[in-house]
Amino acid sequence: MTTKGRRVSRREQHRIGGTGASVTVRNTLIAYAFMLPFLILLVLYHTWPVIFGSYLAFTKYNIISPPQWVGLANFRELFADEQFWSGLRNSLKYVLVVPVIQVISILVALLVNRPLRGIGFFRTAYYVPVVTSFAVVGLIWSWLYKQGGAVNSVLMGLGLMRGDHSLLDNPATALFAVMFVTLWKGIGYYMVLYLAGLQGISRELEEAATIDGATRSQVFWNITLPGLRPTILVCSLLSTISAIKVFEELYVMTPNGYPAGSTYSALMYSFSKAFGGDFNFGLAAAASMVVAVVSILFGLINFSLTKGGRSDA
């Protein structure tokens, strides 16, 4: 017994198509309705400040009087200020923490990606510093770094330090001491991202390579690491941008660039010009714009080094 399908008229086809289109439009509107509260907050607290801050970079503005257009005057003043260049150099020095924190985070992720007993505890322990306020972390490490503190005792015991003095009081070591705190606090965050990346790599590829006689190091360099390339790009971008715009760590542990301006960063310069008594928001916005441009340039370098984040695994 055969059943012939009913022939659908052109009018009915248009009606069915119109119904499907209206359903699609309605679903799209419902989706945007759910997104609307977030989009409003995004525009108010992200998009609009970026646009208005970019405008202020070309104006003279002190909150009291309306902005006055001055063109490139703020940038000329900025580039002639040695204090800004000193802060920018320190911000660029802070980028040195990026490759170190990425390498250590990958190694820790490889360590906790094994089905060992109690591995959940170690994953949590590594992540605890991430959710701890930097105000608290800064106070703890300032106490550890102080003269007669635990860090000094360990370094002197290992013969790596002569004389008991605070690392934060020495212009040669203060910036690197704060960088170590950033490293310690950030490992857990990037470890979680790399752990997610590792679990997205096909086990079949690794097992096939092992069966073919590949060693662990060969599997890592030829399968695991290429498979992590998208995650490496994301983590490197986040870490680089955070390093260039470093502020909170330095402000908590070494206020105002102490000692002798050795920890004075570019964003600390922007903050001081805006809220340090000058209320020169135009100059502060110009400094922030330069920091943003430098961050974009480093982002392009990251894209180039990671081949655009393309995974080979």
Protein backbone atom coordinates (compact mmCIF):
# COMPACT_ATOMS: atom_id res chain seq x y z
CA MET A 1 0.00 0.00 0.00
CA THR A 2 1.48 3.33 -1.04
CA THR A 3 0.64 6.70 0.37
CA LYS A 4 0.96 9.75 -1.78
CA GLY A 5 1.92 12.99 -0.06
CA ARG A 6 -0.54 15.82 -0.26
CA ARG A 7 0.54 18.53 -2.63
CA VAL A 8 0.98 21.82 -0.81
CA SER A 9 -0.24 24.92 -2.60
CA ARG A 10 1.98 27.96 -3.07
CA ARG A 11 -0.22 30.02 -0.76
CA GLU A 12 0.11 27.44 1.98
CA GLN A 13 3.88 27.33 1.48
CA HIS A 14 4.04 31.09 1.97
CA ARG A 15 1.87 30.77 5.08
CA ILE A 16 4.12 28.07 6.57
CA GLY A 17 7.25 30.03 5.68
CA GLY A 18 5.81 33.19 7.19
CA THR A 19 4.94 31.33 10.38
CA GLY A 20 8.49 29.97 10.64
CA ALA A 21 9.96 33.44 10.07
CA SER A 22 7.71 34.97 12.73
CA VAL A 23 8.74 32.27 15.21
CA THR A 24 12.41 33.01 14.47
CA VAL A 25 11.88 36.75 14.98
CA ARG A 26 9.96 36.13 18.20
CA ASN A 27 12.70 33.85 19.57
CA THR A 28 15.33 36.42 18.64
CA LEU A 29 13.41 39.17 20.45
CA ILE A 30 13.01 36.95 23.51
CA ALA A 31 16.76 36.24 23.51
CA TYR A 32 17.58 39.95 23.32
CA ALA A 33 15.05 40.66 26.06
CA PHE A 34 16.95 38.29 28.37
CA MET A 35 20.24 39.93 27.35
CA LEU A 36 18.93 43.49 27.72
CA PRO A 37 19.83 44.00 31.44
CA PHE A 38 23.40 42.88 30.80
CA LEU A 39 23.68 44.97 27.63
CA ILE A 40 22.47 48.07 29.50
CA LEU A 41 25.10 47.54 32.21
CA LEU A 42 27.74 46.86 29.54
CA VAL A 43 27.00 50.14 27.78
CA LEU A 44 26.79 52.16 31.02
CA TYR A 45 29.90 50.80 32.72
CA HIS A 46 32.12 49.76 29.79
CA THR A 47 31.26 51.14 26.36
CA TRP A 48 30.29 54.66 27.45
CA PRO A 49 33.31 55.14 29.77
CA VAL A 50 35.62 54.07 26.94
CA ILE A 51 34.03 56.54 24.51
CA PHE A 52 33.89 59.40 27.02
CA GLY A 53 37.42 58.69 28.29
CA SER A 54 38.75 58.77 24.73
CA TYR A 55 37.04 62.14 24.25
CA LEU A 56 38.49 63.49 27.51
CA ALA A 57 42.02 62.66 26.30
CA PHE A 58 41.70 65.58 23.87
CA THR A 59 40.21 68.03 26.39
CA LYS A 60 41.08 70.02 29.48
CA TYR A 61 38.75 68.83 32.22
CA ASN A 62 38.82 69.16 36.01
CA ILE A 63 35.25 68.10 36.95
CA ILE A 64 34.27 71.64 37.98
CA SER A 65 34.28 73.29 34.54
CA PRO A 66 33.02 71.71 31.30
CA PRO A 67 35.57 69.93 29.06
CA GLN A 68 37.48 72.26 26.74
CA TRP A 69 38.88 70.87 23.49
CA VAL A 70 42.70 71.17 23.41
CA GLY A 71 43.54 68.70 20.66
CA LEU A 72 46.89 66.94 21.15
CA ALA A 73 48.08 69.24 23.96
CA ASN A 74 47.63 66.53 26.60
CA PHE A 75 49.72 64.08 24.61
CA ARG A 76 52.50 66.64 24.09
CA GLU A 77 52.57 67.30 27.84
CA LEU A 78 52.44 63.57 28.53
CA PHE A 79 55.35 62.66 26.25
CA ALA A 80 57.44 65.47 27.75
CA ASP A 81 56.91 64.19 31.30
CA GLU A 82 59.75 61.91 32.44
CA GLN A 83 57.56 60.63 35.29
CA PHE A 84 55.17 59.07 32.76
CA TRP A 85 58.00 57.38 30.87
CA SER A 86 59.36 56.01 34.14
CA GLY A 87 55.94 54.57 34.96
CA LEU A 88 55.57 53.10 31.47
CA ARG A 89 58.99 51.44 31.73
CA ASN A 90 58.00 49.83 35.02
CA SER A 91 54.72 48.66 33.49
CA LEU A 92 56.63 47.07 30.62
CA LYS A 93 59.03 45.43 33.10
CA TYR A 94 55.99 43.87 34.72
CA VAL A 95 55.32 42.00 31.46
CA LEU A 96 58.27 39.77 32.41
CA VAL A 97 55.90 37.94 34.75
CA VAL A 98 53.75 36.78 31.80
CA PRO A 99 55.88 33.93 30.38
CA VAL A 100 56.79 32.75 33.88
CA ILE A 101 53.20 32.56 35.09
CA GLN A 102 52.09 30.80 31.88
CA VAL A 103 54.79 28.13 32.08
CA ILE A 104 54.15 27.42 35.76
CA SER A 105 50.37 27.38 35.24
CA ILE A 106 50.70 24.82 32.43
CA LEU A 107 52.91 22.62 34.60
CA VAL A 108 50.48 22.83 37.53
CA ALA A 109 47.55 22.08 35.21
CA LEU A 110 49.37 18.99 33.93
CA LEU A 111 49.97 17.96 37.54
CA VAL A 112 46.35 18.28 38.69
CA ASN A 113 44.96 16.75 35.47
CA ARG A 114 45.73 13.29 36.77
CA PRO A 115 43.18 10.99 38.46
CA LEU A 116 44.96 10.93 41.82
CA ARG A 117 43.43 10.59 45.26
CA GLY A 118 42.64 13.96 46.81
CA ILE A 119 43.35 15.86 43.59
CA GLY A 120 40.23 17.99 44.16
CA PHE A 121 41.79 19.37 47.34
CA PHE A 122 44.93 20.45 45.49
CA ARG A 123 42.91 22.09 42.73
CA THR A 124 41.01 24.07 45.37
CA ALA A 125 44.17 24.95 47.27
CA TYR A 126 45.82 26.36 44.14
CA TYR A 127 42.72 28.45 43.42
CA VAL A 128 42.23 29.95 46.90
CA PRO A 129 44.64 32.90 46.32
CA VAL A 130 42.65 33.89 43.22
CA VAL A 131 39.47 34.59 45.21
CA THR A 132 41.33 36.36 48.02
CA SER A 133 41.16 40.16 47.97
CA PHE A 134 44.43 41.81 46.95
CA ALA A 135 44.10 44.13 49.92
CA VAL A 136 44.39 41.07 52.15
CA VAL A 137 47.08 39.44 50.00
CA GLY A 138 49.09 42.66 49.92
CA LEU A 139 49.03 43.04 53.69
CA ILE A 140 50.05 39.41 54.23
CA TRP A 141 52.98 39.60 51.80
CA SER A 142 54.06 43.00 53.11
CA TRP A 143 54.33 41.37 56.52
CA LEU A 144 56.25 38.41 55.05
CA TYR A 145 58.63 40.77 53.21
CA LYS A 146 59.32 43.05 56.16
CA GLN A 147 62.66 43.14 57.98
CA GLY A 148 62.94 40.01 60.08
CA GLY A 149 60.07 38.41 58.16
CA ALA A 150 59.71 34.85 56.94
CA VAL A 151 60.95 35.58 53.42
CA ASN A 152 64.14 37.20 54.67
CA SER A 153 64.79 34.29 57.03
CA VAL A 154 64.47 31.78 54.18
CA LEU A 155 66.65 33.80 51.78
CA MET A 156 69.37 34.36 54.38
CA GLY A 157 69.22 30.68 55.33
CA LEU A 158 69.83 29.76 51.68
CA GLY A 159 72.63 32.30 51.39
CA LEU A 160 70.72 34.38 48.82
CA MET A 161 70.56 37.54 50.93
CA ARG A 162 73.14 39.43 52.92
CA GLY A 163 71.78 41.58 55.70
CA ASP A 164 68.25 41.64 57.05
CA HIS A 165 66.33 44.30 55.09
CA SER A 166 62.86 44.45 53.55
CA LEU A 167 62.70 43.61 49.85
CA LEU A 168 60.03 46.30 49.48
CA ASP A 169 62.41 48.98 50.81
CA ASN A 170 65.08 48.30 48.20
CA PRO A 171 64.56 50.04 44.81
CA ALA A 172 66.38 47.18 43.08
CA THR A 173 64.08 44.46 44.43
CA ALA A 174 60.73 46.13 45.24
CA LEU A 175 59.16 45.73 41.80
CA PHE A 176 60.25 42.10 41.48
CA ALA A 177 58.95 41.36 44.98
CA VAL A 178 55.49 42.59 43.97
CA MET A 179 55.75 40.67 40.69
CA PHE A 180 56.28 37.48 42.67
CA VAL A 181 53.05 38.15 44.60
CA THR A 182 51.21 38.60 41.28
CA LEU A 183 52.72 35.31 40.12
CA TRP A 184 51.66 33.52 43.31
CA LYS A 185 48.12 34.90 43.18
CA GLY A 186 47.53 34.32 39.45
CA ILE A 187 48.75 30.74 39.02
CA GLY A 188 45.45 29.23 40.19
CA TYR A 189 43.38 31.29 37.76
CA TYR A 190 45.37 30.35 34.68
CA MET A 191 45.69 26.77 35.94
CA VAL A 192 41.90 26.40 35.73
CA LEU A 193 41.87 27.71 32.16
CA TYR A 194 44.69 25.39 31.11
CA LEU A 195 43.00 22.48 32.89
CA ALA A 196 39.88 23.09 30.78
CA GLY A 197 42.09 23.22 27.68
CA LEU A 198 43.80 19.94 28.57
CA GLN A 199 40.48 18.18 29.04
CA GLY A 200 39.44 19.33 25.57
CA ILE A 201 42.38 17.58 23.89
CA SER A 202 41.50 14.22 22.37
CA ARG A 203 42.81 11.32 24.46
CA GLU A 204 42.78 9.13 21.38
CA LEU A 205 45.54 11.21 19.80
CA GLU A 206 47.77 10.90 22.85
CA GLU A 207 47.10 7.18 23.17
CA ALA A 208 47.77 6.61 19.48
CA ALA A 209 51.06 8.48 19.72
CA THR A 210 52.06 6.45 22.77
CA ILE A 211 51.25 3.20 20.97
CA ASP A 212 53.39 4.35 18.04
CA GLY A 213 56.33 4.68 20.41
CA ALA A 214 56.26 8.40 21.25
CA THR A 215 57.75 9.38 24.60
CA ARG A 216 55.93 11.62 27.10
CA SER A 217 57.97 14.63 26.07
CA GLN A 218 57.20 13.99 22.38
CA VAL A 219 53.49 13.68 23.16
CA PHE A 220 53.62 16.95 25.10
CA TRP A 221 55.50 18.96 22.46
CA ASN A 222 53.68 17.56 19.42
CA ILE A 223 50.12 16.99 20.67
CA THR A 224 49.43 18.57 24.06
CA LEU A 225 51.11 21.93 23.54
CA PRO A 226 49.70 22.52 20.01
CA GLY A 227 46.28 21.56 21.36
CA LEU A 228 46.65 24.17 24.11
CA ARG A 229 47.50 26.95 21.67
CA PRO A 230 44.03 28.61 21.81
CA THR A 231 44.16 28.56 25.62
CA ILE A 232 47.72 29.88 25.60
CA LEU A 233 46.60 32.80 23.45
CA VAL A 234 43.71 33.68 25.79
CA CYS A 235 45.81 33.35 28.95
CA SER A 236 48.73 35.28 27.47
CA LEU A 237 46.44 38.10 26.38
CA LEU A 238 44.77 38.34 29.78
CA SER A 239 48.08 38.16 31.61
CA THR A 240 49.81 40.71 29.36
CA ILE A 241 46.99 43.23 29.63
CA SER A 242 46.87 42.79 33.41
CA ALA A 243 50.63 43.30 33.63
CA ILE A 244 50.67 46.48 31.54
CA LYS A 245 47.78 48.03 33.47
CA VAL A 246 49.12 46.92 36.86
CA PHE A 247 47.94 49.20 39.65
CA GLU A 248 46.24 47.51 42.60
CA GLU A 249 49.20 45.38 43.66
CA LEU A 250 51.61 48.30 43.59
CA TYR A 251 49.18 50.70 45.24
CA VAL A 252 48.58 48.33 48.15
CA MET A 253 52.15 47.14 48.73
CA THR A 254 54.24 50.13 47.58
CA PRO A 255 52.08 53.31 47.62
CA ASN A 256 53.07 56.19 45.33
CA GLY A 257 55.85 54.19 43.67
CA TYR A 258 57.82 53.62 46.88
CA PRO A 259 60.76 53.32 47.14
CA ALA A 260 62.21 56.14 45.00
CA GLY A 261 59.67 55.64 42.22
CA SER A 262 60.91 52.12 41.46
CA THR A 263 57.36 50.71 41.49
CA TYR A 264 55.62 53.68 39.85
CA SER A 265 53.47 52.39 36.97
CA ALA A 266 51.76 54.07 34.02
CA LEU A 267 48.29 53.64 35.51
CA MET A 268 49.56 54.96 38.84
CA TYR A 269 50.56 58.09 36.90
CA SER A 270 47.05 58.30 35.43
CA PHE A 271 45.48 57.83 38.86
CA SER A 272 47.66 60.49 40.47
CA LYS A 273 46.87 63.05 37.76
CA ALA A 274 43.14 62.43 38.06
CA PHE A 275 42.70 61.96 41.83
CA GLY A 276 45.99 63.02 43.38
CA GLY A 277 45.08 66.69 43.72
CA ASP A 278 45.63 67.90 40.15
CA PHE A 279 42.21 66.74 38.91
CA ASN A 280 43.68 66.82 35.41
CA PHE A 281 41.33 64.24 33.92
CA GLY A 282 42.34 65.11 30.36
CA LEU A 283 46.00 64.24 30.97
CA ALA A 284 44.97 61.13 32.94
CA ALA A 285 42.76 59.97 30.06
CA ALA A 286 45.60 60.55 27.58
CA ALA A 287 47.92 58.39 29.70
CA SER A 288 45.29 55.65 29.88
CA MET A 289 44.85 55.79 26.10
CA VAL A 290 48.59 55.30 25.59
CA VAL A 291 48.47 52.30 27.94
CA ALA A 292 45.56 50.90 25.90
CA VAL A 293 47.50 51.29 22.64
CA VAL A 294 50.55 49.55 24.15
CA SER A 295 48.27 46.72 25.33
CA ILE A 296 46.88 46.33 21.81
CA LEU A 297 50.40 46.15 20.36
CA PHE A 298 51.37 43.43 22.84
CA GLY A 299 48.12 41.64 22.00
CA LEU A 300 49.12 41.57 18.34
CA ILE A 301 52.50 40.13 19.34
CA ASN A 302 50.70 37.40 21.29
CA PHE A 303 48.56 36.60 18.23
CA SER A 304 51.70 36.32 16.12
CA LEU A 305 53.57 34.08 18.57
CA THR A 306 50.62 31.71 19.04
CA LYS A 307 49.73 31.64 15.30
CA GLY A 308 46.36 33.21 16.01
CA GLY A 309 45.52 30.56 18.58
CA ARG A 310 44.97 27.87 15.94
CA SER A 311 45.03 24.42 17.47
CA ASP A 312 46.96 21.65 15.66
CA ALA A 313 45.69 18.86 17.89
